[in-house]
Amino acid sequence: MIVESFNFDLGIKTYKKNRLIVDPLQLKNEILYNLEKTKKTVFNVSAFSYPDTDRRKVKSFSEVLLDLDVASIKNSFNFFIDFQGLLLTDVEMNDNTFFYPESGDEFEIVFCLQSSRYNKDNSSSVPSMYNYNQMKTLSKAFKTFDRSTFKTKFKELEVDNSFDRVSNLGFNITDFTSRIL
């Protein structure tokens, strides 16, 4: 019996933007659904940071989307991890994003982490801009991609320092994945 992935999760069959991914199983189902839908097999995963420096008034997910839209950085990420460690979607996996306008034969998956400060490069060895819940969610998401796909490559995303709304991740993604996978 062949069971297609959309039979497991109705949230994926009827895709809605800005929804919460509650656990690794739901993320895995979304990965399987997109594998079946597009026949692409390689995932390139990268990440950047959204600096939310005003700790008195932390922006909500919808405020972050509006802020990026106003700055002409619309559709910049597939998944967003807020300060609480919640994983939310913005752009469907097989759609193009701001940083990867043409994906070709591979998925270009971009994560955005809400951070407490702006970072100009990816040279830090410790991701001190993020809290434990964010790093735990990011680790689980990366493990899910690594274990659920045929081939996953984690690559650096260099963000132009002229953007004031987004910044570099603040740590080397390949070093991070080598420790958790």
C-alpha atoms as a PDB file:
ATOM      1  CA  MET A   1       0.000   0.000   0.000  1.00  0.00           C
ATOM      2  CA  ILE A   2       1.360   3.421  -0.933  1.00  0.00           C
ATOM      3  CA  VAL A   3       0.438   6.122   1.531  1.00  0.00           C
ATOM      4  CA  GLU A   4       1.093   9.682   0.455  1.00  0.00           C
ATOM      5  CA  SER A   5       2.300  12.203   3.031  1.00  0.00           C
ATOM      6  CA  PHE A   6      -0.661  14.582   2.750  1.00  0.00           C
ATOM      7  CA  ASN A   7      -2.904  11.865   4.189  1.00  0.00           C
ATOM      8  CA  PHE A   8      -1.152  12.300   7.528  1.00  0.00           C
ATOM      9  CA  ASP A   9      -1.431  16.047   7.970  1.00  0.00           C
ATOM     10  CA  LEU A  10      -4.360  18.023   6.637  1.00  0.00           C
ATOM     11  CA  GLY A  11      -2.521  21.264   7.422  1.00  0.00           C
ATOM     12  CA  ILE A  12      -0.118  20.475   4.604  1.00  0.00           C
ATOM     13  CA  LYS A  13      -2.713  19.393   2.077  1.00  0.00           C
ATOM     14  CA  THR A  14      -4.531  22.676   2.588  1.00  0.00           C
ATOM     15  CA  TYR A  15      -1.468  24.867   2.898  1.00  0.00           C
ATOM     16  CA  LYS A  16      -1.917  28.066   4.853  1.00  0.00           C
ATOM     17  CA  LYS A  17       0.733  30.699   5.295  1.00  0.00           C
ATOM     18  CA  ASN A  18       1.959  31.748   8.718  1.00  0.00           C
ATOM     19  CA  ARG A  19       1.087  28.534  10.510  1.00  0.00           C
ATOM     20  CA  LEU A  20       2.816  26.989  13.467  1.00  0.00           C
ATOM     21  CA  ILE A  21       4.875  23.804  13.038  1.00  0.00           C
ATOM     22  CA  VAL A  22       4.299  22.079  16.351  1.00  0.00           C
ATOM     23  CA  ASP A  23       6.649  19.093  16.238  1.00  0.00           C
ATOM     24  CA  PRO A  24       9.273  17.312  14.107  1.00  0.00           C
ATOM     25  CA  LEU A  25       6.641  14.915  12.721  1.00  0.00           C
ATOM     26  CA  GLN A  26       4.649  17.762  11.190  1.00  0.00           C
ATOM     27  CA  LEU A  27       7.838  19.203   9.656  1.00  0.00           C
ATOM     28  CA  LYS A  28       8.748  15.756   8.311  1.00  0.00           C
ATOM     29  CA  ASN A  29       5.305  15.416   6.733  1.00  0.00           C
ATOM     30  CA  GLU A  30       5.764  18.777   5.043  1.00  0.00           C
ATOM     31  CA  ILE A  31       9.177  17.674   3.723  1.00  0.00           C
ATOM     32  CA  LEU A  32       7.701  14.418   2.369  1.00  0.00           C
ATOM     33  CA  TYR A  33       4.790  16.256   0.790  1.00  0.00           C
ATOM     34  CA  ASN A  34       7.156  18.620  -1.047  1.00  0.00           C
ATOM     35  CA  LEU A  35       9.402  15.738  -2.133  1.00  0.00           C
ATOM     36  CA  GLU A  36       6.398  14.007  -3.707  1.00  0.00           C
ATOM     37  CA  LYS A  37       5.009  17.200  -5.204  1.00  0.00           C
ATOM     38  CA  THR A  38       8.189  18.459  -6.885  1.00  0.00           C
ATOM     39  CA  LYS A  39      10.443  15.391  -7.294  1.00  0.00           C
ATOM     40  CA  LYS A  40      13.407  17.497  -6.076  1.00  0.00           C
ATOM     41  CA  THR A  41      15.687  15.537  -3.750  1.00  0.00           C
ATOM     42  CA  VAL A  42      18.383  17.958  -2.512  1.00  0.00           C
ATOM     43  CA  PHE A  43      17.792  20.488   0.268  1.00  0.00           C
ATOM     44  CA  ASN A  44      20.118  23.464   0.796  1.00  0.00           C
ATOM     45  CA  VAL A  45      19.448  24.833   4.265  1.00  0.00           C
ATOM     46  CA  SER A  46      20.712  28.216   5.427  1.00  0.00           C
ATOM     47  CA  ALA A  47      19.764  30.830   8.006  1.00  0.00           C
ATOM     48  CA  PHE A  48      19.953  34.495   8.905  1.00  0.00           C
ATOM     49  CA  SER A  49      18.943  36.698  11.804  1.00  0.00           C
ATOM     50  CA  TYR A  50      16.231  39.282  12.383  1.00  0.00           C
ATOM     51  CA  PRO A  51      17.566  41.695  15.032  1.00  0.00           C
ATOM     52  CA  ASP A  52      14.830  42.700  17.446  1.00  0.00           C
ATOM     53  CA  THR A  53      16.847  44.896  19.764  1.00  0.00           C
ATOM     54  CA  ASP A  54      14.035  46.570  21.712  1.00  0.00           C
ATOM     55  CA  ARG A  55      13.613  44.109  24.595  1.00  0.00           C
ATOM     56  CA  ARG A  56      10.786  46.182  26.149  1.00  0.00           C
ATOM     57  CA  LYS A  57       8.511  45.564  23.136  1.00  0.00           C
ATOM     58  CA  VAL A  58       9.352  42.302  21.373  1.00  0.00           C
ATOM     59  CA  LYS A  59       7.790  42.111  17.916  1.00  0.00           C
ATOM     60  CA  SER A  60       5.286  39.409  17.090  1.00  0.00           C
ATOM     61  CA  PHE A  61       5.590  37.258  13.983  1.00  0.00           C
ATOM     62  CA  SER A  62       3.093  39.394  12.050  1.00  0.00           C
ATOM     63  CA  GLU A  63       4.961  42.575  13.047  1.00  0.00           C
ATOM     64  CA  VAL A  64       8.226  41.048  11.810  1.00  0.00           C
ATOM     65  CA  LEU A  65       6.617  40.172   8.462  1.00  0.00           C
ATOM     66  CA  LEU A  66       5.227  43.700   8.143  1.00  0.00           C
ATOM     67  CA  ASP A  67       8.588  45.237   9.064  1.00  0.00           C
ATOM     68  CA  LEU A  68      10.388  43.153   6.417  1.00  0.00           C
ATOM     69  CA  ASP A  69       7.713  43.943   3.843  1.00  0.00           C
ATOM     70  CA  VAL A  70       8.115  47.688   4.473  1.00  0.00           C
ATOM     71  CA  ALA A  71      11.904  47.302   4.037  1.00  0.00           C
ATOM     72  CA  SER A  72      11.341  45.571   0.654  1.00  0.00           C
ATOM     73  CA  ILE A  73      12.615  42.245   1.997  1.00  0.00           C
ATOM     74  CA  LYS A  74       9.404  40.323   1.409  1.00  0.00           C
ATOM     75  CA  ASN A  75       9.357  36.486   1.334  1.00  0.00           C
ATOM     76  CA  SER A  76      12.837  36.273   2.807  1.00  0.00           C
ATOM     77  CA  PHE A  77      12.467  33.006   4.737  1.00  0.00           C
ATOM     78  CA  ASN A  78      10.611  29.702   4.845  1.00  0.00           C
ATOM     79  CA  PHE A  79      10.709  29.199   8.623  1.00  0.00           C
ATOM     80  CA  PHE A  80      10.885  31.684  11.495  1.00  0.00           C
ATOM     81  CA  ILE A  81      12.007  30.881  15.044  1.00  0.00           C
ATOM     82  CA  ASP A  82      10.906  33.469  17.584  1.00  0.00           C
ATOM     83  CA  PHE A  83      12.252  34.134  21.098  1.00  0.00           C
ATOM     84  CA  GLN A  84       9.893  31.495  22.543  1.00  0.00           C
ATOM     85  CA  GLY A  85      11.320  28.854  20.218  1.00  0.00           C
ATOM     86  CA  LEU A  86       8.157  28.554  18.109  1.00  0.00           C
ATOM     87  CA  LEU A  87       8.654  27.513  14.471  1.00  0.00           C
ATOM     88  CA  LEU A  88       6.382  29.384  12.050  1.00  0.00           C
ATOM     89  CA  THR A  89       6.133  29.286   8.252  1.00  0.00           C
ATOM     90  CA  ASP A  90       6.065  32.116   5.750  1.00  0.00           C
ATOM     91  CA  VAL A  91       7.014  30.867   2.277  1.00  0.00           C
ATOM     92  CA  GLU A  92       6.203  27.361   1.079  1.00  0.00           C
ATOM     93  CA  MET A  93       9.256  25.104   0.679  1.00  0.00           C
ATOM     94  CA  ASN A  94       9.158  24.915  -3.102  1.00  0.00           C
ATOM     95  CA  ASP A  95       8.652  28.676  -3.627  1.00  0.00           C
ATOM     96  CA  ASN A  96      11.438  31.149  -4.286  1.00  0.00           C
ATOM     97  CA  THR A  97      12.631  33.463  -1.516  1.00  0.00           C
ATOM     98  CA  PHE A  98      14.268  36.879  -1.417  1.00  0.00           C
ATOM     99  CA  PHE A  99      17.769  35.404  -0.992  1.00  0.00           C
ATOM    100  CA  TYR A 100      17.207  32.638  -3.559  1.00  0.00           C
ATOM    101  CA  PRO A 101      15.034  34.064  -6.341  1.00  0.00           C
ATOM    102  CA  GLU A 102      15.700  31.034  -8.565  1.00  0.00           C
ATOM    103  CA  SER A 103      15.984  27.656  -6.841  1.00  0.00           C
ATOM    104  CA  GLY A 104      16.462  25.370  -9.850  1.00  0.00           C
ATOM    105  CA  ASP A 105      16.588  21.628  -9.182  1.00  0.00           C
ATOM    106  CA  GLU A 106      17.134  21.934  -5.427  1.00  0.00           C
ATOM    107  CA  PHE A 107      15.128  23.223  -2.490  1.00  0.00           C
ATOM    108  CA  GLU A 108      16.544  26.431  -0.987  1.00  0.00           C
ATOM    109  CA  ILE A 109      15.298  26.479   2.610  1.00  0.00           C
ATOM    110  CA  VAL A 110      15.942  29.599   4.680  1.00  0.00           C
ATOM    111  CA  PHE A 111      15.473  29.880   8.444  1.00  0.00           C
ATOM    112  CA  CYS A 112      15.166  33.232  10.206  1.00  0.00           C
ATOM    113  CA  LEU A 113      15.961  33.504  13.909  1.00  0.00           C
ATOM    114  CA  GLN A 114      14.761  36.437  15.963  1.00  0.00           C
ATOM    115  CA  SER A 115      17.846  37.794  17.702  1.00  0.00           C
ATOM    116  CA  SER A 116      18.675  40.251  20.432  1.00  0.00           C
ATOM    117  CA  ARG A 117      21.322  42.142  18.458  1.00  0.00           C
ATOM    118  CA  TYR A 118      22.684  42.885  14.990  1.00  0.00           C
ATOM    119  CA  ASN A 119      25.598  40.804  13.686  1.00  0.00           C
ATOM    120  CA  LYS A 120      27.832  41.751  10.766  1.00  0.00           C
ATOM    121  CA  ASP A 121      29.418  38.339  10.122  1.00  0.00           C
ATOM    122  CA  ASN A 122      29.219  34.629  10.905  1.00  0.00           C
ATOM    123  CA  SER A 123      32.506  34.369  12.791  1.00  0.00           C
ATOM    124  CA  SER A 124      31.279  33.740  16.353  1.00  0.00           C
ATOM    125  CA  SER A 125      31.736  30.237  17.682  1.00  0.00           C
ATOM    126  CA  VAL A 126      28.939  30.474  20.256  1.00  0.00           C
ATOM    127  CA  PRO A 127      25.428  31.513  19.214  1.00  0.00           C
ATOM    128  CA  SER A 128      25.041  33.982  22.102  1.00  0.00           C
ATOM    129  CA  MET A 129      22.424  36.078  20.315  1.00  0.00           C
ATOM    130  CA  TYR A 130      19.793  33.391  20.818  1.00  0.00           C
ATOM    131  CA  ASN A 131      18.245  31.657  23.798  1.00  0.00           C
ATOM    132  CA  TYR A 132      18.065  27.966  24.649  1.00  0.00           C
ATOM    133  CA  ASN A 133      14.553  27.460  23.212  1.00  0.00           C
ATOM    134  CA  GLN A 134      15.555  28.900  19.847  1.00  0.00           C
ATOM    135  CA  MET A 135      18.678  26.762  19.585  1.00  0.00           C
ATOM    136  CA  LYS A 136      16.731  23.659  20.637  1.00  0.00           C
ATOM    137  CA  THR A 137      14.101  24.292  17.927  1.00  0.00           C
ATOM    138  CA  LEU A 138      16.778  24.983  15.314  1.00  0.00           C
ATOM    139  CA  SER A 139      18.617  21.784  16.255  1.00  0.00           C
ATOM    140  CA  LYS A 140      15.434  19.704  16.009  1.00  0.00           C
ATOM    141  CA  ALA A 141      14.553  21.246  12.649  1.00  0.00           C
ATOM    142  CA  PHE A 142      18.026  20.612  11.243  1.00  0.00           C
ATOM    143  CA  LYS A 143      17.952  17.001  12.496  1.00  0.00           C
ATOM    144  CA  THR A 144      14.538  16.518  10.890  1.00  0.00           C
ATOM    145  CA  PHE A 145      15.827  17.788   7.542  1.00  0.00           C
ATOM    146  CA  ASP A 146      18.964  15.671   7.795  1.00  0.00           C
ATOM    147  CA  ARG A 147      17.065  12.469   8.630  1.00  0.00           C
ATOM    148  CA  SER A 148      14.043  12.971   6.344  1.00  0.00           C
ATOM    149  CA  THR A 149      15.669  13.917   3.064  1.00  0.00           C
ATOM    150  CA  PHE A 150      17.853  12.191   0.508  1.00  0.00           C
ATOM    151  CA  LYS A 151      20.554  14.843   0.743  1.00  0.00           C
ATOM    152  CA  THR A 152      20.735  17.947   2.909  1.00  0.00           C
ATOM    153  CA  LYS A 153      23.476  20.534   2.620  1.00  0.00           C
ATOM    154  CA  PHE A 154      23.860  23.233   5.262  1.00  0.00           C
ATOM    155  CA  LYS A 155      25.400  26.361   3.808  1.00  0.00           C
ATOM    156  CA  GLU A 156      26.292  29.846   4.934  1.00  0.00           C
ATOM    157  CA  LEU A 157      24.092  32.734   3.922  1.00  0.00           C
ATOM    158  CA  GLU A 158      26.009  35.986   3.704  1.00  0.00           C
ATOM    159  CA  VAL A 159      23.677  38.912   4.329  1.00  0.00           C
ATOM    160  CA  ASP A 160      24.676  42.274   2.918  1.00  0.00           C
ATOM    161  CA  ASN A 161      25.513  44.662   5.774  1.00  0.00           C
ATOM    162  CA  SER A 162      23.560  47.439   4.069  1.00  0.00           C
ATOM    163  CA  PHE A 163      20.332  45.847   5.306  1.00  0.00           C
ATOM    164  CA  ASP A 164      19.337  47.215   8.694  1.00  0.00           C
ATOM    165  CA  ARG A 165      16.386  44.829   9.189  1.00  0.00           C
ATOM    166  CA  VAL A 166      18.295  41.551   8.766  1.00  0.00           C
ATOM    167  CA  SER A 167      21.783  40.416   9.693  1.00  0.00           C
ATOM    168  CA  ASN A 168      24.059  37.416   9.484  1.00  0.00           C
ATOM    169  CA  LEU A 169      23.342  34.420  11.671  1.00  0.00           C
ATOM    170  CA  GLY A 170      26.255  35.107  13.997  1.00  0.00           C
ATOM    171  CA  PHE A 171      27.790  31.630  13.956  1.00  0.00           C
ATOM    172  CA  ASN A 172      29.037  29.160  11.394  1.00  0.00           C
ATOM    173  CA  ILE A 173      26.146  26.908  10.377  1.00  0.00           C
ATOM    174  CA  THR A 174      28.391  24.051   9.201  1.00  0.00           C
ATOM    175  CA  ASP A 175      30.242  23.952  12.542  1.00  0.00           C
ATOM    176  CA  PHE A 176      26.910  24.011  14.365  1.00  0.00           C
ATOM    177  CA  THR A 177      25.447  21.152  12.334  1.00  0.00           C
ATOM    178  CA  SER A 178      28.595  19.066  12.696  1.00  0.00           C
ATOM    179  CA  ARG A 179      28.111  19.184  16.485  1.00  0.00           C
ATOM    180  CA  ILE A 180      24.399  18.337  16.552  1.00  0.00           C
ATOM    181  CA  LEU A 181      24.085  15.767  13.744  1.00  0.00           C
END
